[in-house]
């Protein structure tokens, strides 16, 4: 089953949004558990519950196994990231699913910090929950994430704690797995707020790691932590225009489409997803293309030069960084975009279905940093 999931992830020809769709379909077919029986610690762990910019509230009830001391019969949490939202403990699965474990949390405020850069625990005066029926306690988790920091508030009905987690960098995903030792967990419920938290709402306990602290060209440098999470402003496409820049894959990049993209579009304010935005085509440096069939006909030619060895070597070289040049030509309704990077040569020909005066190009991507961007 896991091998099949990995093949689905690696073979898809779309960007990370489609990877997320695949994972969402997997999650629908295998939903988050609503109850759990825990024997030895971490023998049973739920599927990962995503922590995002929208605060997620998780509630459940738990009772200790009467044959063990109550202090050791408690629920706990595992903080992690993996492609399949599962906690892994063997080397093959850790590698295949790109598993990273940030730490473990207990409701009494104890923590274990592993791959997180730092964790800070603070007592809270407010109790998030006070429900208790017999030996069964009600537990509440409120979790949110903004870029490379997460805030997790925990309550067991008597005490509440706030844990700030500094992730390795802002391109990481964060999931919570519910587990425990010698206890029964039931009635797990998950609710997500509609409001997104913003900058400054989570206390910063570590400096942000930036991969774009380099010289800037005509356009500000951009760091793209996830699929199209950042983009340059649009540049009017004129016949003979060229864009040069330095590209570098982020340390978390691992898939074929973790690379720069060129987006061809129109908008009133020259911004990607701006006012009256209309996307014409999206070209990825790994040789893939998406087009808006209502607006244009487009085709892409991909060739591999002697510099190209294989996908693994291409990814390795991307991690080191490379200089890139993109060429544009335009004649009325015809736009040609060409570039050659690490042995992959692309030539995309776009035929607009109607004459559009102002067509723009912008740089974006997935898990990469673009610096020293020059218009030539």
Protein backbone atom coordinates (compact mmCIF):
# COMPACT_ATOMS: atom_id res chain seq x y z
CA UNK A 1 0.00 0.00 0.00
CA UNK A 2 2.80 2.40 0.97
CA UNK A 3 4.75 1.61 -2.20
CA UNK A 4 1.65 2.33 -4.27
CA UNK A 5 1.23 5.70 -2.54
CA UNK A 6 4.87 6.56 -3.23
CA UNK A 7 4.45 5.70 -6.91
CA UNK A 8 1.33 7.87 -7.11
CA UNK A 9 3.25 10.77 -5.61
CA UNK A 10 6.29 10.42 -7.85
CA UNK A 11 4.45 9.79 -11.13
CA UNK A 12 1.95 12.63 -10.99
CA UNK A 13 2.59 15.27 -13.66
CA UNK A 14 1.08 18.12 -11.73
CA UNK A 15 2.42 20.42 -9.04
CA UNK A 16 2.27 20.09 -5.29
CA UNK A 17 -1.36 21.12 -5.19
CA UNK A 18 -2.06 17.83 -6.98
CA UNK A 19 0.17 16.01 -4.49
CA UNK A 20 -2.03 17.42 -1.75
CA UNK A 21 -5.11 16.25 -3.66
CA UNK A 22 -3.66 12.74 -3.75
CA UNK A 23 -3.00 12.84 -0.02
CA UNK A 24 -6.50 14.21 0.62
CA UNK A 25 -7.97 11.30 -1.33
CA UNK A 26 -5.87 8.89 0.72
CA UNK A 27 -7.10 10.57 3.90
CA UNK A 28 -10.73 10.31 2.76
CA UNK A 29 -10.30 6.60 2.16
CA UNK A 30 -8.53 6.18 5.52
CA UNK A 31 -10.02 8.87 7.81
CA UNK A 32 -8.52 10.05 11.07
CA UNK A 33 -9.29 7.56 13.83
CA UNK A 34 -11.99 8.52 16.31
CA UNK A 35 -10.73 6.15 19.00
CA UNK A 36 -7.51 4.45 19.97
CA UNK A 37 -6.35 1.81 22.43
CA UNK A 38 -2.80 2.41 23.60
CA UNK A 39 -0.70 -0.31 25.20
CA UNK A 40 3.05 0.33 25.29
CA UNK A 41 3.96 3.91 24.46
CA UNK A 42 3.59 4.76 20.72
CA UNK A 43 2.39 1.30 19.72
CA UNK A 44 -0.77 2.99 18.38
CA UNK A 45 -0.74 6.46 16.77
CA UNK A 46 -3.47 8.19 14.77
CA UNK A 47 -2.93 9.48 11.27
CA UNK A 48 -1.46 12.98 11.25
CA UNK A 49 -3.81 15.93 11.76
CA UNK A 50 -2.60 18.91 9.72
CA UNK A 51 -1.57 22.11 11.48
CA UNK A 52 -2.06 25.13 9.21
CA UNK A 53 -2.58 28.89 9.34
CA UNK A 54 -6.21 28.17 10.31
CA UNK A 55 -6.32 27.17 13.96
CA UNK A 56 -7.41 23.56 14.42
CA UNK A 57 -9.19 22.42 17.59
CA UNK A 58 -8.87 18.74 18.49
CA UNK A 59 -10.85 17.26 21.38
CA UNK A 60 -10.98 13.76 22.80
CA UNK A 61 -11.61 11.83 26.00
CA UNK A 62 -9.22 9.43 27.65
CA UNK A 63 -9.22 7.05 30.59
CA UNK A 64 -6.19 5.21 32.03
CA UNK A 65 -5.73 1.47 31.99
CA UNK A 66 -6.49 0.57 35.61
CA UNK A 67 -3.72 -2.01 35.72
CA UNK A 68 -1.07 0.73 35.46
CA UNK A 69 -0.16 3.78 37.53
CA UNK A 70 -2.15 6.80 36.39
CA UNK A 71 1.01 8.88 35.94
CA UNK A 72 2.14 6.51 33.19
CA UNK A 73 -1.32 5.93 31.67
CA UNK A 74 -1.76 9.15 29.72
CA UNK A 75 -2.25 10.40 26.15
CA UNK A 76 0.47 12.33 24.34
CA UNK A 77 1.26 13.82 20.92
CA UNK A 78 3.86 13.27 18.21
CA UNK A 79 4.76 16.25 15.99
CA UNK A 80 6.02 15.21 12.56
CA UNK A 81 5.99 15.55 8.77
CA UNK A 82 5.67 12.79 6.17
CA UNK A 83 4.19 12.33 2.70
CA UNK A 84 1.51 9.92 3.91
CA UNK A 85 0.71 11.58 7.26
CA UNK A 86 1.84 8.51 9.19
CA UNK A 87 4.50 8.15 11.89
CA UNK A 88 7.32 5.85 10.80
CA UNK A 89 10.10 4.10 12.72
CA UNK A 90 12.02 2.06 10.16
CA UNK A 91 14.73 3.43 7.89
CA UNK A 92 13.13 2.49 4.57
CA UNK A 93 9.79 4.17 5.33
CA UNK A 94 11.53 7.19 6.87
CA UNK A 95 13.47 7.66 3.65
CA UNK A 96 10.63 6.89 1.22
CA UNK A 97 8.05 9.06 3.01
CA UNK A 98 10.55 11.83 3.86
CA UNK A 99 9.61 11.42 7.51
CA UNK A 100 10.80 14.03 10.00
CA UNK A 101 9.91 14.00 13.68
CA UNK A 102 9.97 17.36 15.44
CA UNK A 103 9.15 16.25 18.96
CA UNK A 104 6.71 14.79 21.50
CA UNK A 105 4.34 16.60 23.87
CA UNK A 106 2.52 15.62 27.05
CA UNK A 107 -0.43 17.40 28.60
CA UNK A 108 1.49 18.05 31.84
CA UNK A 109 3.91 20.32 29.94
CA UNK A 110 6.72 17.82 29.44
CA UNK A 111 8.29 17.75 25.98
CA UNK A 112 10.95 16.01 23.93
CA UNK A 113 12.48 18.17 21.21
CA UNK A 114 14.05 16.21 18.35
CA UNK A 115 14.23 17.81 14.88
CA UNK A 116 12.53 21.07 15.86
CA UNK A 117 15.04 23.89 16.27
CA UNK A 118 13.56 24.87 19.61
CA UNK A 119 10.48 24.48 21.82
CA UNK A 120 9.20 26.76 24.56
CA UNK A 121 6.63 25.68 27.17
CA UNK A 122 4.53 28.22 29.07
CA UNK A 123 1.82 27.66 31.69
CA UNK A 124 -1.59 29.13 30.86
CA UNK A 125 -3.98 30.48 33.47
CA UNK A 126 -7.02 29.66 31.33
CA UNK A 127 -8.20 26.06 31.32
CA UNK A 128 -9.41 25.11 27.85
CA UNK A 129 -11.57 22.30 29.22
CA UNK A 130 -13.08 21.25 32.54
CA UNK A 131 -15.22 18.30 31.49
CA UNK A 132 -14.57 15.12 33.43
CA UNK A 133 -16.79 12.06 33.84
CA UNK A 134 -15.51 9.61 36.45
CA UNK A 135 -11.98 8.57 35.54
CA UNK A 136 -12.38 9.81 31.98
CA UNK A 137 -10.84 13.22 31.26
CA UNK A 138 -11.57 15.59 28.39
CA UNK A 139 -8.53 16.86 26.49
CA UNK A 140 -8.28 19.89 24.20
CA UNK A 141 -5.63 20.80 21.63
CA UNK A 142 -5.59 24.11 19.76
CA UNK A 143 -2.89 24.27 17.08
CA UNK A 144 -1.88 26.78 14.43
CA UNK A 145 1.18 27.42 12.28
CA UNK A 146 2.63 30.46 10.54
CA UNK A 147 5.67 29.89 8.33
CA UNK A 148 8.38 28.24 10.50
CA UNK A 149 6.67 28.57 13.90
CA UNK A 150 3.73 26.71 15.43
CA UNK A 151 1.66 27.35 18.56
CA UNK A 152 0.08 24.38 20.31
CA UNK A 153 -2.14 24.86 23.35
CA UNK A 154 -2.94 21.80 25.46
CA UNK A 155 -5.39 21.22 28.32
CA UNK A 156 -6.33 18.13 30.33
CA UNK A 157 -9.14 19.86 32.20
CA UNK A 158 -7.00 20.89 35.18
CA UNK A 159 -3.91 22.51 33.66
CA UNK A 160 -3.20 24.19 30.33
CA UNK A 161 0.10 24.80 28.58
CA UNK A 162 1.21 26.65 25.46
CA UNK A 163 4.08 25.19 23.46
CA UNK A 164 5.84 27.25 20.77
CA UNK A 165 7.64 25.12 18.18
CA UNK A 166 10.35 26.46 15.88
CA UNK A 167 10.41 24.19 12.83
CA UNK A 168 13.62 23.61 10.84
CA UNK A 169 12.44 26.12 8.21
CA UNK A 170 9.29 27.57 6.67
CA UNK A 171 8.96 24.94 3.93
CA UNK A 172 8.07 22.19 6.43
CA UNK A 173 4.63 20.73 6.99
CA UNK A 174 3.43 19.88 10.49
CA UNK A 175 1.11 17.08 11.59
CA UNK A 176 -0.07 15.98 15.03
CA UNK A 177 -0.39 12.28 15.81
CA UNK A 178 -2.34 11.35 18.94
CA UNK A 179 -0.87 8.50 20.95
CA UNK A 180 -0.27 7.51 24.56
CA UNK A 181 0.59 4.74 26.97
CA UNK A 182 -1.77 2.28 28.67
CA UNK A 183 -4.90 4.33 28.07
CA UNK A 184 -8.04 4.37 25.97
CA UNK A 185 -8.72 7.40 23.77
CA UNK A 186 -12.13 7.98 22.26
CA UNK A 187 -14.46 10.56 20.73
CA UNK A 188 -11.69 12.29 18.75
CA UNK A 189 -13.14 15.37 17.02
CA UNK A 190 -11.46 17.93 14.76
CA UNK A 191 -12.66 21.44 13.90
CA UNK A 192 -10.85 24.10 11.86
CA UNK A 193 -11.32 27.86 12.17
CA UNK A 194 -12.05 29.89 9.03
CA UNK A 195 -9.69 32.72 10.01
CA UNK A 196 -5.99 32.51 9.22
CA UNK A 197 -3.53 33.67 11.83
CA UNK A 198 -1.08 36.34 10.70
CA UNK A 199 2.48 37.51 11.35
CA UNK A 200 3.17 38.28 14.98
CA UNK A 201 0.41 36.09 16.44
CA UNK A 202 2.89 33.34 17.30
CA UNK A 203 5.85 34.26 19.48
CA UNK A 204 9.14 33.81 17.63
CA UNK A 205 11.75 31.78 19.54
CA UNK A 206 14.28 31.29 16.72
CA UNK A 207 15.46 33.41 13.83
CA UNK A 208 13.81 32.74 10.49
CA UNK A 209 16.05 30.83 8.13
CA UNK A 210 16.30 32.63 4.81
CA UNK A 211 17.79 31.30 1.60
CA UNK A 212 17.53 34.63 -0.22
CA UNK A 213 19.98 36.77 1.76
CA UNK A 214 21.95 37.41 -1.40
CA UNK A 215 22.46 40.20 -3.89
CA UNK A 216 19.25 41.49 -5.49
CA UNK A 217 18.88 42.40 -9.13
CA UNK A 218 16.13 44.35 -10.84
CA UNK A 219 13.46 42.39 -8.97
CA UNK A 220 13.41 41.40 -5.25
CA UNK A 221 14.56 37.87 -4.42
CA UNK A 222 11.85 35.34 -3.60
CA UNK A 223 11.78 32.21 -1.45
CA UNK A 224 9.05 29.77 -2.47
CA UNK A 225 8.38 27.44 0.47
CA UNK A 226 5.50 25.52 -1.10
CA UNK A 227 3.74 25.31 -4.46
CA UNK A 228 3.46 28.88 -5.80
CA UNK A 229 3.50 30.41 -2.32
CA UNK A 230 5.45 33.39 -3.69
CA UNK A 231 5.94 34.99 -7.09
CA UNK A 232 7.62 38.01 -8.61
CA UNK A 233 5.53 40.81 -10.01
CA UNK A 234 4.70 40.46 -13.67
CA UNK A 235 7.14 41.61 -16.32
CA UNK A 236 5.71 42.73 -19.65
CA UNK A 237 6.71 40.24 -22.34
CA UNK A 238 8.45 42.01 -25.20
CA UNK A 239 10.14 40.43 -28.18
CA UNK A 240 13.74 39.59 -27.27
CA UNK A 241 13.35 40.02 -23.51
CA UNK A 242 15.46 37.81 -21.25
CA UNK A 243 15.37 37.02 -17.53
CA UNK A 244 18.49 35.84 -15.71
CA UNK A 245 18.64 34.65 -12.12
CA UNK A 246 20.21 32.22 -9.68
CA UNK A 247 18.05 29.24 -8.70
CA UNK A 248 18.59 26.94 -5.73
CA UNK A 249 16.38 24.13 -4.42
CA UNK A 250 15.49 24.30 -0.72
CA UNK A 251 16.80 21.52 1.58
CA UNK A 252 13.29 19.97 1.72
CA UNK A 253 13.00 19.70 -2.07
CA UNK A 254 12.67 16.07 -3.10
CA UNK A 255 10.17 15.77 -5.98
CA UNK A 256 10.54 16.44 -9.68
CA UNK A 257 8.45 19.62 -9.60
CA UNK A 258 10.42 21.21 -6.76
CA UNK A 259 11.96 23.73 -9.14
CA UNK A 260 11.34 27.20 -10.64
CA UNK A 261 8.23 27.87 -12.73
CA UNK A 262 7.41 30.55 -15.28
CA UNK A 263 3.82 31.75 -15.26
CA UNK A 264 2.40 33.58 -18.29
CA UNK A 265 -0.67 35.66 -17.44
CA UNK A 266 -2.65 38.86 -17.67
CA UNK A 267 -3.93 41.05 -14.83
CA UNK A 268 -4.75 44.70 -14.32
CA UNK A 269 -2.13 45.19 -11.60
CA UNK A 270 0.67 43.02 -13.09
CA UNK A 271 0.41 40.63 -10.13
CA UNK A 272 -0.04 36.88 -10.09
CA UNK A 273 -3.57 36.23 -8.78
CA UNK A 274 -4.15 40.00 -8.93
CA UNK A 275 -7.08 42.04 -10.22
CA UNK A 276 -8.83 40.39 -13.20
CA UNK A 277 -6.14 37.71 -13.23
CA UNK A 278 -6.16 35.23 -16.10
CA UNK A 279 -3.51 32.54 -16.33
CA UNK A 280 -2.36 31.59 -19.81
CA UNK A 281 0.32 28.96 -19.14
CA UNK A 282 2.57 27.58 -16.43
CA UNK A 283 5.96 26.16 -17.39
CA UNK A 284 8.03 24.12 -14.95
CA UNK A 285 11.78 23.71 -15.29
CA UNK A 286 11.47 19.93 -15.00
CA UNK A 287 9.75 19.89 -18.42
CA UNK A 288 6.04 20.02 -17.53
CA UNK A 289 3.47 22.56 -18.66
CA UNK A 290 -0.12 23.51 -17.92
CA UNK A 291 -2.16 25.75 -20.20
CA UNK A 292 -5.51 27.50 -20.12
CA UNK A 293 -7.31 25.87 -23.06
CA UNK A 294 -9.87 28.67 -23.19
CA UNK A 295 -7.18 31.28 -23.79
CA UNK A 296 -4.47 29.59 -25.85
CA UNK A 297 -3.09 26.59 -27.65
CA UNK A 298 0.33 25.63 -26.38
CA UNK A 299 2.94 22.95 -26.84
CA UNK A 300 6.24 22.27 -25.16
CA UNK A 301 9.34 20.60 -26.59
CA UNK A 302 11.72 19.02 -24.07
CA UNK A 303 15.20 17.79 -24.90
CA UNK A 304 17.99 16.54 -22.69
CA UNK A 305 21.55 17.51 -23.48
CA UNK A 306 24.73 15.66 -22.55
CA UNK A 307 24.83 17.57 -19.26
CA UNK A 308 21.73 15.67 -18.05
CA UNK A 309 22.51 12.36 -16.33
CA UNK A 310 19.37 11.33 -14.47
CA UNK A 311 16.66 12.75 -12.21
CA UNK A 312 18.62 12.09 -9.02
CA UNK A 313 21.67 13.97 -10.31
CA UNK A 314 19.45 16.80 -11.59
CA UNK A 315 17.99 17.20 -8.09
CA UNK A 316 21.44 17.08 -6.52
CA UNK A 317 22.72 19.85 -8.79
CA UNK A 318 19.58 21.89 -8.08
CA UNK A 319 20.46 21.79 -4.38
CA UNK A 320 23.84 23.38 -5.11
CA UNK A 321 22.29 26.18 -7.17
CA UNK A 322 22.72 27.23 -10.79
CA UNK A 323 22.43 30.24 -13.06
CA UNK A 324 19.44 30.38 -15.38
CA UNK A 325 18.46 32.41 -18.43
CA UNK A 326 14.93 32.50 -19.89
CA UNK A 327 14.37 33.86 -23.41
CA UNK A 328 11.08 35.34 -24.63
CA UNK A 329 9.93 36.22 -28.11
CA UNK A 330 6.59 37.62 -29.15
CA UNK A 331 4.90 38.29 -32.48
CA UNK A 332 1.28 39.36 -32.03
CA UNK A 333 -0.54 36.23 -30.79
CA UNK A 334 2.54 34.00 -30.68
CA UNK A 335 4.77 33.81 -27.61
CA UNK A 336 7.82 31.55 -27.36
CA UNK A 337 9.55 30.84 -24.05
CA UNK A 338 12.82 28.91 -23.99
CA UNK A 339 15.39 28.01 -21.37
CA UNK A 340 18.07 25.40 -20.64
CA UNK A 341 18.89 24.32 -17.09
CA UNK A 342 21.14 21.49 -15.92
CA UNK A 343 20.70 19.64 -19.21
CA UNK A 344 16.90 20.03 -19.60
CA UNK A 345 16.13 22.24 -22.58
CA UNK A 346 12.60 23.64 -22.88
CA UNK A 347 10.87 25.47 -25.70
CA UNK A 348 7.23 26.40 -25.12
CA UNK A 349 5.19 27.85 -27.97
CA UNK A 350 1.97 29.64 -27.02
CA UNK A 351 -0.66 30.67 -29.60
CA UNK A 352 -3.18 33.09 -28.10
CA UNK A 353 -6.74 32.64 -29.30
CA UNK A 354 -7.25 36.39 -29.33
CA UNK A 355 -4.90 39.32 -29.41
CA UNK A 356 -3.98 40.40 -25.88
CA UNK A 357 -1.95 43.58 -25.68
CA UNK A 358 -0.27 43.17 -22.28
CA UNK A 359 0.91 39.68 -21.42
CA UNK A 360 3.18 39.26 -18.40
CA UNK A 361 5.72 36.71 -17.21
CA UNK A 362 6.49 36.05 -13.55
CA UNK A 363 8.83 33.67 -11.76
CA UNK A 364 7.44 31.32 -9.13
CA UNK A 365 7.99 27.64 -8.31
CA UNK A 366 7.96 25.13 -5.49
CA UNK A 367 10.54 24.74 -2.69
CA UNK A 368 13.20 26.86 -4.31
CA UNK A 369 14.92 30.23 -3.87
CA UNK A 370 15.40 32.69 -6.76
CA UNK A 371 17.95 35.47 -6.38
CA UNK A 372 19.74 38.17 -8.41
CA UNK A 373 16.83 38.39 -10.88
CA UNK A 374 17.75 40.62 -13.84
CA UNK A 375 15.71 41.84 -16.83
CA UNK A 376 17.90 41.98 -19.93
